[in-house]
């Protein structure tokens, strides 16, 4: 299945509009998100006593770039249980994968 045939994980048009079409800004924001995602992924487990705060942080960042599905699963996990963390990890990985594909297209 190609990226084009999958449901869109990140609404790049939202981010592009927010950045007034400045592709350099969009690229920098997405690069920062991906860098942060590496650190976030390491803390998305129930052995991290601050996992709820981390999920809250990811929720805000996700919504800021137009990754609504990630923001939604984060909202659920933020007020849920550790069993809600696997969907967060999966949604974060999907967002990063789609961002990397978008950035590769230039």
C-alpha atoms as a PDB file:
ATOM      1  CA  UNK A   1       0.000   0.000   0.000  1.00  0.00           C
ATOM      2  CA  UNK A   2       1.465   3.351  -0.970  1.00  0.00           C
ATOM      3  CA  UNK A   3       1.328   6.530   1.079  1.00  0.00           C
ATOM      4  CA  UNK A   4      -1.104   7.983  -1.454  1.00  0.00           C
ATOM      5  CA  UNK A   5      -3.568   5.117  -0.937  1.00  0.00           C
ATOM      6  CA  UNK A   6      -3.515   5.295   2.850  1.00  0.00           C
ATOM      7  CA  UNK A   7      -5.678   7.619   4.866  1.00  0.00           C
ATOM      8  CA  UNK A   8      -3.739  10.810   5.455  1.00  0.00           C
ATOM      9  CA  UNK A   9      -2.098  10.729   8.874  1.00  0.00           C
ATOM     10  CA  UNK A  10      -0.834  14.313   8.772  1.00  0.00           C
ATOM     11  CA  UNK A  11      -2.760  17.181   7.192  1.00  0.00           C
ATOM     12  CA  UNK A  12       0.161  18.899   5.509  1.00  0.00           C
ATOM     13  CA  UNK A  13      -2.136  21.495   3.937  1.00  0.00           C
ATOM     14  CA  UNK A  14      -3.053  22.629   7.452  1.00  0.00           C
ATOM     15  CA  UNK A  15       0.599  23.090   8.375  1.00  0.00           C
ATOM     16  CA  UNK A  16       1.425  24.736   5.053  1.00  0.00           C
ATOM     17  CA  UNK A  17      -1.446  27.172   5.570  1.00  0.00           C
ATOM     18  CA  UNK A  18      -0.348  27.905   9.110  1.00  0.00           C
ATOM     19  CA  UNK A  19       3.167  28.625   7.815  1.00  0.00           C
ATOM     20  CA  UNK A  20       1.754  30.844   5.043  1.00  0.00           C
ATOM     21  CA  UNK A  21       3.141  28.448   2.446  1.00  0.00           C
ATOM     22  CA  UNK A  22       6.748  28.902   3.567  1.00  0.00           C
ATOM     23  CA  UNK A  23       8.171  25.468   2.691  1.00  0.00           C
ATOM     24  CA  UNK A  24      11.360  26.164   4.639  1.00  0.00           C
ATOM     25  CA  UNK A  25       9.397  26.757   7.841  1.00  0.00           C
ATOM     26  CA  UNK A  26       7.267  23.665   7.191  1.00  0.00           C
ATOM     27  CA  UNK A  27      10.423  21.598   6.675  1.00  0.00           C
ATOM     28  CA  UNK A  28      12.018  22.898   9.853  1.00  0.00           C
ATOM     29  CA  UNK A  29       8.881  22.235  11.920  1.00  0.00           C
ATOM     30  CA  UNK A  30       8.575  18.701  10.568  1.00  0.00           C
ATOM     31  CA  UNK A  31      12.277  17.990  11.125  1.00  0.00           C
ATOM     32  CA  UNK A  32      11.967  19.146  14.725  1.00  0.00           C
ATOM     33  CA  UNK A  33       8.851  17.014  15.226  1.00  0.00           C
ATOM     34  CA  UNK A  34      10.704  13.928  13.957  1.00  0.00           C
ATOM     35  CA  UNK A  35      13.700  14.629  16.181  1.00  0.00           C
ATOM     36  CA  UNK A  36      11.450  15.024  19.202  1.00  0.00           C
ATOM     37  CA  UNK A  37       9.507  11.879  18.261  1.00  0.00           C
ATOM     38  CA  UNK A  38      12.618   9.769  18.825  1.00  0.00           C
ATOM     39  CA  UNK A  39      12.895  10.984  22.414  1.00  0.00           C
ATOM     40  CA  UNK A  40       9.146  10.798  22.991  1.00  0.00           C
ATOM     41  CA  UNK A  41       8.943   7.181  21.803  1.00  0.00           C
ATOM     42  CA  UNK A  42      11.446   6.122  24.464  1.00  0.00           C
ATOM     43  CA  UNK A  43       9.235   7.509  27.232  1.00  0.00           C
ATOM     44  CA  UNK A  44       5.946   6.034  26.063  1.00  0.00           C
ATOM     45  CA  UNK A  45       5.778   3.218  28.561  1.00  0.00           C
ATOM     46  CA  UNK A  46       4.156   2.703  31.935  1.00  0.00           C
ATOM     47  CA  UNK A  47       7.542   2.536  33.688  1.00  0.00           C
ATOM     48  CA  UNK A  48       7.875   6.266  32.982  1.00  0.00           C
ATOM     49  CA  UNK A  49       6.089   8.015  35.873  1.00  0.00           C
ATOM     50  CA  UNK A  50       5.583  11.088  33.666  1.00  0.00           C
ATOM     51  CA  UNK A  51       4.018   9.283  30.694  1.00  0.00           C
ATOM     52  CA  UNK A  52       0.780  11.281  30.982  1.00  0.00           C
ATOM     53  CA  UNK A  53       2.653  14.596  30.765  1.00  0.00           C
ATOM     54  CA  UNK A  54       4.601  13.241  27.797  1.00  0.00           C
ATOM     55  CA  UNK A  55       1.395  12.194  26.041  1.00  0.00           C
ATOM     56  CA  UNK A  56       0.008  15.686  26.695  1.00  0.00           C
ATOM     57  CA  UNK A  57       3.103  17.203  25.064  1.00  0.00           C
ATOM     58  CA  UNK A  58       2.805  14.927  22.041  1.00  0.00           C
ATOM     59  CA  UNK A  59      -0.898  15.786  21.744  1.00  0.00           C
ATOM     60  CA  UNK A  60      -0.133  19.499  21.430  1.00  0.00           C
ATOM     61  CA  UNK A  61       2.705  18.988  18.980  1.00  0.00           C
ATOM     62  CA  UNK A  62       0.622  16.604  16.876  1.00  0.00           C
ATOM     63  CA  UNK A  63      -2.287  18.974  16.645  1.00  0.00           C
ATOM     64  CA  UNK A  64       0.097  21.797  15.794  1.00  0.00           C
ATOM     65  CA  UNK A  65       1.284  20.007  12.658  1.00  0.00           C
ATOM     66  CA  UNK A  66      -2.091  18.626  11.641  1.00  0.00           C
ATOM     67  CA  UNK A  67      -1.657  15.052  12.923  1.00  0.00           C
ATOM     68  CA  UNK A  68      -5.208  14.836  14.234  1.00  0.00           C
ATOM     69  CA  UNK A  69      -5.369  11.064  14.724  1.00  0.00           C
ATOM     70  CA  UNK A  70      -2.213  11.161  16.852  1.00  0.00           C
ATOM     71  CA  UNK A  71      -3.640  14.049  18.851  1.00  0.00           C
ATOM     72  CA  UNK A  72      -6.856  12.116  19.418  1.00  0.00           C
ATOM     73  CA  UNK A  73      -5.163   8.933  20.670  1.00  0.00           C
ATOM     74  CA  UNK A  74      -2.987  11.083  22.918  1.00  0.00           C
ATOM     75  CA  UNK A  75      -6.069  12.732  24.376  1.00  0.00           C
ATOM     76  CA  UNK A  76      -7.527   9.318  25.161  1.00  0.00           C
ATOM     77  CA  UNK A  77      -4.278   8.104  26.734  1.00  0.00           C
ATOM     78  CA  UNK A  78      -3.755  11.281  28.717  1.00  0.00           C
ATOM     79  CA  UNK A  79      -6.878  10.524  30.732  1.00  0.00           C
ATOM     80  CA  UNK A  80      -6.756   6.759  30.324  1.00  0.00           C
ATOM     81  CA  UNK A  81      -4.590   3.881  31.409  1.00  0.00           C
ATOM     82  CA  UNK A  82      -1.211   2.481  30.389  1.00  0.00           C
ATOM     83  CA  UNK A  83      -3.091   0.150  28.029  1.00  0.00           C
ATOM     84  CA  UNK A  84      -3.702   3.261  25.908  1.00  0.00           C
ATOM     85  CA  UNK A  85       0.008   3.707  25.194  1.00  0.00           C
ATOM     86  CA  UNK A  86       0.413   1.171  22.343  1.00  0.00           C
ATOM     87  CA  UNK A  87      -1.989   3.111  20.097  1.00  0.00           C
ATOM     88  CA  UNK A  88      -0.011   6.277  20.862  1.00  0.00           C
ATOM     89  CA  UNK A  89       3.250   4.578  19.881  1.00  0.00           C
ATOM     90  CA  UNK A  90       1.664   3.261  16.672  1.00  0.00           C
ATOM     91  CA  UNK A  91       0.142   6.630  15.742  1.00  0.00           C
ATOM     92  CA  UNK A  92       3.433   8.419  16.468  1.00  0.00           C
ATOM     93  CA  UNK A  93       5.324   5.968  14.248  1.00  0.00           C
ATOM     94  CA  UNK A  94       2.735   6.405  11.470  1.00  0.00           C
ATOM     95  CA  UNK A  95       3.017  10.188  11.675  1.00  0.00           C
ATOM     96  CA  UNK A  96       6.812  10.081  11.517  1.00  0.00           C
ATOM     97  CA  UNK A  97       6.684   7.700   8.564  1.00  0.00           C
ATOM     98  CA  UNK A  98       4.307   9.966   6.657  1.00  0.00           C
ATOM     99  CA  UNK A  99       6.359  13.066   7.519  1.00  0.00           C
ATOM    100  CA  UNK A 100       9.521  11.399   6.250  1.00  0.00           C
ATOM    101  CA  UNK A 101       7.782  10.467   2.988  1.00  0.00           C
ATOM    102  CA  UNK A 102       6.480  14.053   2.612  1.00  0.00           C
ATOM    103  CA  UNK A 103       9.930  15.494   3.263  1.00  0.00           C
ATOM    104  CA  UNK A 104      11.510  13.075   0.752  1.00  0.00           C
ATOM    105  CA  UNK A 105       9.134  14.316  -1.949  1.00  0.00           C
ATOM    106  CA  UNK A 106      10.494  17.798  -1.311  1.00  0.00           C
END
